[in-house]
Amino acid sequence: MTSSGAWTADEALDWVTLSPANGNGNGTVTVTLLRNDSGSERNGNILIGGNNHAITQAAFVFITTINPTSRDVDGEATNYDIAISSNGAWTAEESLDWISLNSTSGSGNGTMTVTLSRNESGSARNGSIAIGGNNHTITQAAFIATTTINPTSNSLNGDHANYDISVTSDGSWIASESLDWVSISPTNGTNNGTVSVTITENLTGSERSGSITIGGNSHTLTQAPTPFSGSFNTQESTANHNGGNASITLTTNHAWTLESDSWIIIQSAISGTGSTTINYEIAPNDLQTPRIGSIRIANEISHTILQFPEIITFDEWIRDYYSDSDLQAMSPNAMEADSDRDGLNNNGEYLLQLDPSDSQSKPELTFNRSNDTTTLQVTPVVIGITYILNSSTNLINWESILQTTIVNDAPIIFTLPDDDAYYQLQVSPSP
C-alpha cells in the first residue's frame, strides 16, 4: 500500500481479519480468510485508506472416502468397521431398525463401527449407510437356525393322550400341523423349548397317522383305533315270509360301517359316527325253509334276523309227490309212513324239506372216532328244526340224550357217550 499520510483498514466480515488495522505512509496489510465451509462461494470488501478491495472466496471442497463401500454378511448378529478418510467434517445416516452406528458425525479421518442384529426375517435383506456423501451398502443373508427335535416319531394307542417334544435350537422356530385330531402348544419359540402335543381319542375304527413340523423337522405320529364299544337295542328279531320294514337302534361313540345279508336291505346310512337309528327292509322269503341273516358291524356286534318261509301244510306238501290213492294206501297214515323206505317217515321228510319219494334224499350221518372221542355229524340241517339224538341198548326203549335247535346252516356235531348203544335221530319243529 502506498500512502503519503495516515490510513485505516476496515472490514465487516466474520471470515476475514486484517493486520494491521491502520498505519502512516507506505505499508502492508495482511488479509487472513477462514476456510469456506458454507458449501457455496462467498464475497466481501475491505476498505483501506478510502480504497476498496474486493474478495471472492470459493467454497471449500470436502473430500471424504470410505473403505469398504459395501459388505455382505451372514444372518448372525455381527459388527464391523468402516474406515473414513476426510479433510473435513462428515456425518453418517441410516434409517434401518436392524443397523446401529457407534457415531453419526466426525471430522477428519476416523473409524465407524456398524452393528447388525441377527436376520430372523426368513429372507436376505439390504440397506445402506450415507457417510460424508459416500454410500455404503449392506446385504445380510437370512439367519438359518439349527433345530433338532426329540422324539421324531411316536406310536400311540387309541386313547386320548398328551406328550412332549423337546426342541433344541439356536434360533427361532415354528411348529405347525393340519390335523383335526391333534393340537400343539406353543406354535413358535426361540432357542430350546418344548412343544406339548394333545391327541384326541381315535373313534374312527381304523389307524390314523399324520405329522407335525417343528423348525423344518418332521415328527410323525401314528394312532391305533380304540376297541369298538357299542350295542344294538336288541340282538335278534324274527320276520314272516312276506318280509317288510323294521328298525333297530345303535348306541355308540365310535365310527361304524354296517354290513348285511343280501336279503336285508339297509335303507338308512350304512356308515357314520355315533348313535343312530338303522332302518332296513326284509325281502320276501321264497324258500321253503327258514333263513338267518344279520345286520352287523364287522367283527364287533350283530343283530340276527330269523325269517320264516311261507307255511305249507303237510297235506299241501305231500300231494306234490303222491296221488290221493297213494296217500290212502299208506300205513298207518301218510304222515307216519316211510314211503321211500329210507328210515325217515314222511313227517320227518316234510320237516327237513326232503323228497319223500326218493330213498337217496335223506340226512347224511357221519361217525368219526378220534382221541377216544366219537362224534356224529348231521347234514344238511334246516333252520328252526330241533334235532334230537335218542339212545337205546335194546332197540325197544329209547331215551333222549342230546338235542339242538338249528339257528344257522352249520352242520350239527353230537359228541357221543362212551357206552355201547344204538342211536336214533329224531326231528321236530322248534317249540
Protein backbone atom coordinates (compact mmCIF):
# COMPACT_ATOMS: atom_id res chain seq x y z
CA MET A 1 0.00 0.00 0.00
CA THR A 2 1.33 3.43 -0.93
CA SER A 3 0.29 6.46 1.13
CA SER A 4 1.56 9.97 1.94
CA GLY A 5 -0.25 10.08 5.27
CA ALA A 6 -2.18 8.13 7.87
CA TRP A 7 -4.73 5.44 6.82
CA THR A 8 -7.09 2.84 8.32
CA ALA A 9 -8.21 -0.62 7.13
CA ASP A 10 -11.80 -1.75 7.80
CA GLU A 11 -13.96 -4.89 7.06
CA ALA A 12 -17.22 -6.23 8.48
CA LEU A 13 -16.84 -9.90 7.59
CA ASP A 14 -16.67 -12.67 10.24
CA TRP A 15 -14.49 -14.77 7.96
CA VAL A 16 -11.83 -12.05 7.32
CA THR A 17 -9.26 -10.49 9.65
CA LEU A 18 -6.77 -7.61 8.83
CA SER A 19 -3.40 -6.78 10.28
CA PRO A 20 -2.59 -4.03 10.94
CA ALA A 21 -5.89 -2.13 11.05
CA ASN A 22 -4.15 1.30 10.49
CA GLY A 23 -0.83 2.89 9.57
CA ASN A 24 1.05 6.01 8.24
CA GLY A 25 2.77 6.21 4.94
CA ASN A 26 3.62 3.24 2.86
CA GLY A 27 2.94 -0.19 4.34
CA THR A 28 1.44 -3.68 4.01
CA VAL A 29 -1.92 -5.03 5.26
CA THR A 30 -2.11 -8.80 5.74
CA VAL A 31 -5.54 -10.31 4.98
CA THR A 32 -6.45 -13.66 6.63
CA LEU A 33 -9.51 -15.69 5.46
CA LEU A 34 -11.16 -18.60 7.28
CA ARG A 35 -11.92 -21.79 5.31
CA ASN A 36 -15.18 -21.52 3.44
CA ASP A 37 -17.21 -24.39 4.86
CA SER A 38 -20.52 -22.80 3.79
CA GLY A 39 -20.78 -25.03 0.76
CA SER A 40 -21.00 -22.10 -1.70
CA GLU A 41 -18.92 -19.20 -2.98
CA ARG A 42 -18.85 -16.00 -0.83
CA ASN A 43 -17.87 -12.37 -1.43
CA GLY A 44 -16.77 -9.42 0.68
CA ASN A 45 -14.96 -6.00 0.67
CA ILE A 46 -12.11 -4.39 2.61
CA LEU A 47 -11.80 -0.55 2.79
CA ILE A 48 -8.18 0.68 3.16
CA GLY A 49 -7.43 4.44 3.16
CA GLY A 50 -10.60 5.04 1.16
CA ASN A 51 -9.74 2.31 -1.37
CA ASN A 52 -11.99 -0.75 -1.83
CA HIS A 53 -10.50 -4.23 -2.00
CA ALA A 54 -12.97 -6.91 -3.24
CA ILE A 55 -12.61 -10.54 -2.15
CA THR A 56 -14.25 -13.64 -3.75
CA GLN A 57 -13.72 -16.98 -1.95
CA ALA A 58 -14.77 -20.25 -3.50
CA ALA A 59 -16.46 -22.96 -1.35
CA PHE A 60 -14.09 -25.35 0.31
CA VAL A 61 -14.30 -28.81 -1.29
CA PHE A 62 -14.50 -31.60 1.32
CA ILE A 63 -13.02 -34.88 0.19
CA THR A 64 -14.26 -37.91 2.12
CA THR A 65 -13.75 -41.54 1.19
CA ILE A 66 -14.77 -44.76 2.96
CA ASN A 67 -13.48 -48.30 2.92
CA PRO A 68 -15.16 -50.67 2.30
CA THR A 69 -18.05 -49.31 0.23
CA SER A 70 -20.13 -52.50 0.65
CA ARG A 71 -20.34 -55.57 2.82
CA ASP A 72 -22.05 -59.00 2.55
CA VAL A 73 -22.58 -60.72 5.88
CA ASP A 74 -24.28 -63.88 7.09
CA GLY A 75 -27.51 -63.91 9.06
CA GLU A 76 -25.96 -63.96 12.53
CA ALA A 77 -25.66 -60.78 14.62
CA THR A 78 -22.30 -59.13 13.87
CA ASN A 79 -20.33 -55.87 13.73
CA TYR A 80 -17.55 -54.49 11.58
CA ASP A 81 -15.64 -51.21 10.98
CA ILE A 82 -15.68 -48.71 8.13
CA ALA A 83 -12.50 -46.61 7.71
CA ILE A 84 -13.19 -42.92 6.92
CA SER A 85 -10.63 -40.63 5.24
CA SER A 86 -11.67 -36.97 5.14
CA ASN A 87 -10.26 -33.44 5.01
CA GLY A 88 -13.26 -32.03 6.81
CA ALA A 89 -16.38 -32.70 8.78
CA TRP A 90 -18.68 -35.58 7.85
CA THR A 91 -21.98 -37.12 9.00
CA ALA A 92 -23.34 -40.65 8.82
CA GLU A 93 -27.03 -41.55 8.39
CA GLU A 94 -29.14 -44.73 8.18
CA SER A 95 -32.83 -45.47 8.81
CA LEU A 96 -32.83 -49.23 9.33
CA ASP A 97 -34.08 -50.84 12.54
CA TRP A 98 -31.58 -53.67 12.25
CA ILE A 99 -28.45 -51.44 11.99
CA SER A 100 -26.84 -49.17 14.60
CA LEU A 101 -23.75 -46.90 14.33
CA ASN A 102 -21.39 -46.02 17.13
CA SER A 103 -21.04 -42.46 15.74
CA THR A 104 -23.11 -40.37 13.35
CA SER A 105 -20.65 -37.49 12.80
CA GLY A 106 -16.97 -36.62 12.90
CA SER A 107 -14.16 -34.59 11.40
CA GLY A 108 -11.10 -35.77 9.57
CA ASN A 109 -10.05 -39.37 9.47
CA GLY A 110 -11.80 -41.88 11.68
CA THR A 111 -13.40 -45.26 12.09
CA MET A 112 -17.11 -46.07 12.36
CA THR A 113 -18.39 -49.34 13.87
CA VAL A 114 -21.53 -50.84 12.31
CA THR A 115 -23.61 -53.31 14.37
CA LEU A 116 -26.20 -55.59 12.75
CA SER A 117 -28.84 -57.66 14.56
CA ARG A 118 -29.48 -61.28 13.60
CA ASN A 119 -31.66 -61.61 10.50
CA GLU A 120 -34.61 -63.77 11.54
CA SER A 121 -36.89 -62.47 8.79
CA GLY A 122 -36.50 -65.65 6.79
CA SER A 123 -35.03 -63.91 3.73
CA ALA A 124 -32.00 -61.78 2.83
CA ARG A 125 -32.23 -58.05 3.50
CA ASN A 126 -30.44 -54.98 2.12
CA GLY A 127 -29.69 -51.50 3.39
CA SER A 128 -27.27 -48.58 3.07
CA ILE A 129 -25.41 -46.01 5.19
CA ALA A 130 -24.62 -42.48 3.88
CA ILE A 131 -21.20 -41.29 5.11
CA GLY A 132 -19.84 -37.93 4.00
CA GLY A 133 -21.59 -38.19 0.66
CA ASN A 134 -20.49 -41.79 0.16
CA ASN A 135 -22.89 -44.74 0.08
CA HIS A 136 -22.04 -47.95 1.95
CA THR A 137 -24.36 -50.88 1.01
CA ILE A 138 -25.05 -53.90 3.22
CA THR A 139 -26.52 -57.26 2.26
CA GLN A 140 -27.32 -59.63 5.12
CA ALA A 141 -28.35 -63.23 4.45
CA ALA A 142 -31.19 -64.83 6.37
CA PHE A 143 -30.16 -66.49 9.60
CA ILE A 144 -30.52 -70.26 9.35
CA ALA A 145 -31.25 -71.72 12.75
CA THR A 146 -30.08 -75.23 13.56
CA THR A 147 -33.02 -77.04 15.12
CA THR A 148 -33.44 -80.66 16.20
CA ILE A 149 -36.35 -82.43 17.89
CA ASN A 150 -36.71 -85.50 20.10
CA PRO A 151 -38.51 -87.80 19.55
CA THR A 152 -39.00 -87.70 15.78
CA SER A 153 -41.95 -90.13 15.88
CA ASN A 154 -44.49 -91.63 18.25
CA SER A 155 -46.96 -94.52 18.12
CA LEU A 156 -49.96 -94.38 20.43
CA ASN A 157 -52.97 -96.46 21.34
CA GLY A 158 -56.46 -95.15 20.65
CA ASP A 159 -56.97 -93.30 23.94
CA HIS A 160 -56.80 -89.55 24.50
CA ALA A 161 -53.12 -88.75 25.07
CA ASN A 162 -50.60 -85.98 25.79
CA TYR A 163 -46.85 -86.00 25.29
CA ASP A 164 -43.94 -83.55 24.81
CA ILE A 165 -41.43 -83.00 22.02
CA SER A 166 -38.09 -81.48 23.09
CA VAL A 167 -36.77 -78.74 20.78
CA THR A 168 -33.06 -77.87 20.64
CA SER A 169 -32.34 -74.74 18.58
CA ASP A 170 -30.01 -71.76 18.29
CA GLY A 171 -32.69 -69.55 16.78
CA SER A 172 -36.38 -69.07 16.30
CA TRP A 173 -38.64 -71.93 15.11
CA ILE A 174 -42.24 -72.52 14.10
CA ALA A 175 -44.38 -75.59 14.89
CA SER A 176 -47.32 -76.44 12.63
CA GLU A 177 -49.80 -79.25 11.89
CA SER A 178 -53.05 -79.55 9.92
CA LEU A 179 -54.74 -82.48 11.68
CA ASP A 180 -58.20 -82.11 13.23
CA TRP A 181 -57.33 -84.69 15.93
CA VAL A 182 -54.04 -83.10 17.05
CA SER A 183 -53.32 -79.81 18.81
CA ILE A 184 -49.93 -78.37 19.75
CA SER A 185 -48.67 -75.63 22.06
CA PRO A 186 -46.77 -73.37 21.60
CA THR A 187 -46.69 -72.90 17.83
CA ASN A 188 -43.40 -70.97 17.84
CA GLY A 189 -40.40 -70.25 20.02
CA THR A 190 -36.78 -69.20 20.23
CA ASN A 191 -33.85 -71.40 21.22
CA ASN A 192 -34.51 -74.52 23.29
CA GLY A 193 -38.04 -75.36 24.28
CA THR A 194 -40.83 -77.93 24.48
CA VAL A 195 -43.87 -78.49 22.26
CA SER A 196 -46.81 -80.19 24.01
CA VAL A 197 -48.94 -82.46 21.80
CA THR A 198 -52.56 -83.40 22.59
CA ILE A 199 -54.22 -86.32 20.75
CA THR A 200 -57.98 -86.97 20.82
CA GLU A 201 -59.41 -90.47 21.27
CA ASN A 202 -59.46 -92.39 17.99
CA LEU A 203 -63.06 -93.48 17.46
CA THR A 204 -62.72 -93.88 13.69
CA GLY A 205 -62.32 -97.64 13.75
CA SER A 206 -59.06 -97.56 11.82
CA GLU A 207 -55.46 -96.49 12.33
CA ARG A 208 -54.61 -92.88 11.54
CA SER A 209 -51.34 -91.06 11.07
CA GLY A 210 -50.02 -87.54 10.49
CA SER A 211 -47.07 -85.28 11.08
CA ILE A 212 -46.01 -82.16 12.95
CA THR A 213 -43.35 -79.85 11.51
CA ILE A 214 -41.05 -78.09 14.00
CA GLY A 215 -38.22 -75.90 12.77
CA GLY A 216 -38.06 -77.80 9.49
CA ASN A 217 -38.06 -81.19 11.23
CA SER A 218 -40.89 -83.70 10.75
CA HIS A 219 -42.38 -85.54 13.71
CA THR A 220 -44.61 -88.44 12.59
CA LEU A 221 -47.31 -89.90 14.79
CA THR A 222 -49.48 -92.98 14.38
CA GLN A 223 -52.54 -93.72 16.50
CA ALA A 224 -54.33 -97.06 16.65
CA PRO A 225 -58.12 -97.09 16.95
CA THR A 226 -59.80 -97.70 20.28
CA PRO A 227 -61.64 -101.02 20.51
CA PHE A 228 -65.21 -100.64 19.26
CA SER A 229 -67.76 -100.11 22.00
CA GLY A 230 -71.44 -100.07 21.24
CA SER A 231 -74.64 -102.11 21.12
CA PHE A 232 -77.88 -102.62 19.26
CA ASN A 233 -81.04 -102.22 21.33
CA THR A 234 -81.87 -105.85 20.55
CA GLN A 235 -79.69 -108.74 19.45
CA GLU A 236 -82.24 -110.70 17.43
CA SER A 237 -85.64 -110.50 15.77
CA THR A 238 -87.93 -112.57 13.56
CA ALA A 239 -89.83 -111.86 10.38
CA ASN A 240 -92.55 -113.68 8.45
CA HIS A 241 -92.13 -114.83 4.88
CA ASN A 242 -93.53 -111.56 3.46
CA GLY A 243 -90.68 -109.51 4.92
CA GLY A 244 -91.26 -105.78 5.45
CA ASN A 245 -89.70 -102.73 7.06
CA ALA A 246 -88.14 -102.58 10.52
CA SER A 247 -85.59 -100.62 12.52
CA ILE A 248 -83.08 -101.05 15.32
CA THR A 249 -81.13 -98.54 17.40
CA LEU A 250 -77.32 -98.40 17.56
CA THR A 251 -75.74 -96.77 20.60
CA THR A 252 -72.04 -95.87 20.31
CA ASN A 253 -69.49 -93.06 20.26
CA HIS A 254 -67.45 -94.73 17.53
CA ALA A 255 -67.37 -94.59 13.77
CA TRP A 256 -69.14 -97.56 12.19
CA THR A 257 -69.86 -99.25 8.87
CA LEU A 258 -72.78 -101.64 8.51
CA GLU A 259 -72.90 -104.95 6.67
CA SER A 260 -75.92 -107.15 5.99
CA ASP A 261 -77.02 -110.22 4.06
CA SER A 262 -78.32 -109.61 0.55
CA TRP A 263 -81.98 -110.05 1.51
CA ILE A 264 -81.68 -107.46 4.30
CA ILE A 265 -81.59 -104.03 2.62
CA ILE A 266 -80.37 -101.15 4.79
CA GLN A 267 -82.32 -98.02 3.88
CA SER A 268 -80.57 -95.54 6.17
CA ALA A 269 -76.88 -94.60 6.10
CA ILE A 270 -74.50 -97.56 6.03
CA SER A 271 -71.70 -95.66 7.77
CA GLY A 272 -71.38 -92.82 10.24
CA THR A 273 -70.22 -91.88 13.72
CA GLY A 274 -72.16 -92.03 16.95
CA SER A 275 -75.61 -93.35 17.86
CA THR A 276 -78.29 -93.70 15.20
CA THR A 277 -81.47 -95.47 14.11
CA ILE A 278 -80.97 -98.08 11.40
CA ASN A 279 -83.90 -98.56 9.04
CA TYR A 280 -83.97 -101.70 6.91
CA GLU A 281 -86.21 -103.77 4.66
CA ILE A 282 -86.51 -107.55 4.65
CA ALA A 283 -87.20 -109.13 1.24
CA PRO A 284 -89.87 -111.86 0.95
CA ASN A 285 -88.64 -115.40 1.70
CA ASP A 286 -89.46 -117.53 -1.34
CA LEU A 287 -87.59 -120.54 0.02
CA GLN A 288 -89.27 -123.49 1.67
CA THR A 289 -87.04 -123.24 4.74
CA PRO A 290 -86.29 -120.52 7.28
CA ARG A 291 -83.23 -118.35 6.73
CA ILE A 292 -81.00 -116.46 9.09
CA GLY A 293 -79.15 -113.23 8.34
CA SER A 294 -77.82 -110.28 10.24
CA ILE A 295 -77.06 -106.58 10.34
CA ARG A 296 -73.57 -106.23 11.74
CA ILE A 297 -70.56 -104.09 12.36
CA ALA A 298 -67.80 -106.41 11.18
CA ASN A 299 -66.18 -108.45 13.96
CA GLU A 300 -67.88 -106.31 16.59
CA ILE A 301 -71.64 -106.60 17.14
CA SER A 302 -74.57 -108.03 15.19
CA HIS A 303 -78.35 -108.15 15.13
CA THR A 304 -79.62 -111.56 13.98
CA ILE A 305 -82.81 -111.87 11.92
CA LEU A 306 -84.67 -115.19 11.53
CA GLN A 307 -87.15 -115.15 8.64
CA PHE A 308 -89.64 -117.95 8.32
CA PRO A 309 -90.81 -119.38 4.98
CA GLU A 310 -94.40 -119.36 3.84
CA ILE A 311 -96.14 -122.07 5.84
CA ILE A 312 -97.07 -125.05 3.67
CA THR A 313 -99.16 -127.71 5.39
CA PHE A 314 -98.16 -131.37 5.34
CA ASP A 315 -101.14 -132.16 3.12
CA GLU A 316 -100.15 -129.48 0.56
CA TRP A 317 -96.56 -130.69 0.58
CA ILE A 318 -97.20 -134.48 0.28
CA ARG A 319 -99.54 -134.01 -2.69
CA ASP A 320 -96.58 -132.66 -4.69
CA TYR A 321 -95.23 -136.22 -4.58
CA TYR A 322 -98.18 -138.66 -4.26
CA SER A 323 -101.72 -139.03 -5.59
CA ASP A 324 -104.79 -139.32 -3.37
CA SER A 325 -104.92 -143.06 -3.95
CA ASP A 326 -101.25 -143.41 -2.96
CA LEU A 327 -101.91 -141.47 0.22
CA GLN A 328 -104.93 -143.62 1.14
CA ALA A 329 -102.81 -146.74 0.79
CA MET A 330 -100.11 -145.52 3.18
CA SER A 331 -99.98 -147.23 6.60
CA PRO A 332 -100.67 -146.44 9.30
CA ASN A 333 -101.17 -142.94 7.78
CA ALA A 334 -99.45 -140.65 5.29
CA MET A 335 -97.56 -138.73 7.99
CA GLU A 336 -96.05 -141.72 9.74
CA ALA A 337 -95.41 -143.80 6.65
CA ASP A 338 -91.88 -144.19 5.24
CA SER A 339 -92.84 -144.26 1.57
CA ASP A 340 -89.28 -144.38 0.16
CA ARG A 341 -88.01 -146.76 2.91
CA ASP A 342 -85.00 -144.57 3.81
CA GLY A 343 -85.62 -144.80 7.56
CA LEU A 344 -87.22 -141.34 7.86
CA ASN A 345 -91.02 -141.10 7.87
CA ASN A 346 -92.88 -138.62 5.69
CA ASN A 347 -93.34 -136.16 8.54
CA GLY A 348 -89.57 -136.08 9.05
CA GLU A 349 -89.06 -135.59 5.32
CA TYR A 350 -91.61 -132.74 5.47
CA LEU A 351 -89.81 -131.02 8.35
CA LEU A 352 -86.45 -131.34 6.59
CA GLN A 353 -87.90 -130.43 3.17
CA LEU A 354 -86.65 -133.65 1.58
CA ASP A 355 -88.17 -135.76 -1.22
CA PRO A 356 -90.37 -138.48 0.36
CA SER A 357 -90.35 -140.44 -2.89
CA ASP A 358 -86.52 -140.67 -3.16
CA SER A 359 -84.63 -143.01 -0.85
CA GLN A 360 -81.41 -141.07 -1.50
CA SER A 361 -82.99 -137.84 -0.22
CA LYS A 362 -82.17 -138.13 3.47
CA PRO A 363 -79.85 -136.68 6.13
CA GLU A 364 -76.24 -137.76 5.92
CA LEU A 365 -74.88 -139.21 9.17
CA THR A 366 -71.11 -139.33 9.57
CA PHE A 367 -69.42 -141.02 12.55
CA ASN A 368 -65.84 -140.09 13.46
CA ARG A 369 -63.55 -141.58 16.07
CA SER A 370 -60.56 -139.51 17.26
CA ASN A 371 -58.58 -139.47 20.51
CA ASP A 372 -61.07 -141.83 22.17
CA THR A 373 -63.95 -139.49 21.30
CA THR A 374 -66.77 -140.41 18.94
CA THR A 375 -68.77 -137.74 17.15
CA LEU A 376 -71.80 -137.83 14.89
CA GLN A 377 -72.16 -135.15 12.22
CA VAL A 378 -75.55 -134.48 10.61
CA THR A 379 -76.01 -132.69 7.28
CA PRO A 380 -77.87 -130.94 5.81
CA VAL A 381 -79.72 -129.00 8.50
CA VAL A 382 -82.86 -126.84 8.46
CA ILE A 383 -83.09 -123.65 10.47
CA GLY A 384 -85.83 -123.74 13.07
CA ILE A 385 -85.84 -127.54 13.43
CA THR A 386 -84.84 -129.31 16.63
CA TYR A 387 -82.62 -132.36 16.18
CA ILE A 388 -82.88 -134.95 18.98
CA LEU A 389 -80.46 -137.86 19.44
CA ASN A 390 -82.05 -140.87 21.17
CA SER A 391 -80.13 -143.80 22.64
CA SER A 392 -81.15 -147.41 23.28
CA THR A 393 -79.44 -150.62 24.32
CA ASN A 394 -82.20 -152.91 23.09
CA LEU A 395 -83.93 -151.08 20.22
CA ILE A 396 -87.14 -151.09 22.30
CA ASN A 397 -86.67 -148.48 24.95
CA TRP A 398 -85.33 -145.13 23.70
CA GLU A 399 -84.00 -142.24 25.76
CA SER A 400 -83.29 -138.68 24.54
CA ILE A 401 -79.65 -137.87 25.35
CA LEU A 402 -78.78 -134.85 23.17
CA GLN A 403 -80.70 -132.22 21.28
CA THR A 404 -80.08 -128.94 19.48
CA THR A 405 -82.17 -126.34 17.66
CA ILE A 406 -80.75 -125.06 14.37
CA VAL A 407 -80.16 -121.31 14.16
CA ASN A 408 -77.77 -121.30 11.19
CA ASP A 409 -76.73 -123.58 8.36
CA ALA A 410 -73.68 -125.08 10.10
CA PRO A 411 -73.60 -128.89 10.41
CA ILE A 412 -74.67 -130.50 13.70
CA ILE A 413 -71.97 -132.39 15.57
CA PHE A 414 -73.05 -134.60 18.52
CA THR A 415 -70.40 -135.96 20.87
CA LEU A 416 -71.48 -139.49 21.79
CA PRO A 417 -71.11 -141.17 25.18
CA ASP A 418 -68.51 -143.91 25.56
CA ASP A 419 -71.18 -146.56 26.25
CA ASP A 420 -72.12 -149.06 23.55
CA ALA A 421 -75.61 -148.19 22.30
CA TYR A 422 -77.94 -147.83 19.36
CA TYR A 423 -78.72 -144.29 18.25
CA GLN A 424 -81.77 -142.79 16.63
CA LEU A 425 -82.10 -139.29 15.11
CA GLN A 426 -85.43 -137.55 15.68
CA VAL A 427 -86.52 -134.20 14.23
CA SER A 428 -89.34 -131.93 15.35
CA PRO A 429 -90.43 -128.31 14.91
CA SER A 430 -88.83 -125.88 17.37
CA PRO A 431 -91.10 -125.11 20.31
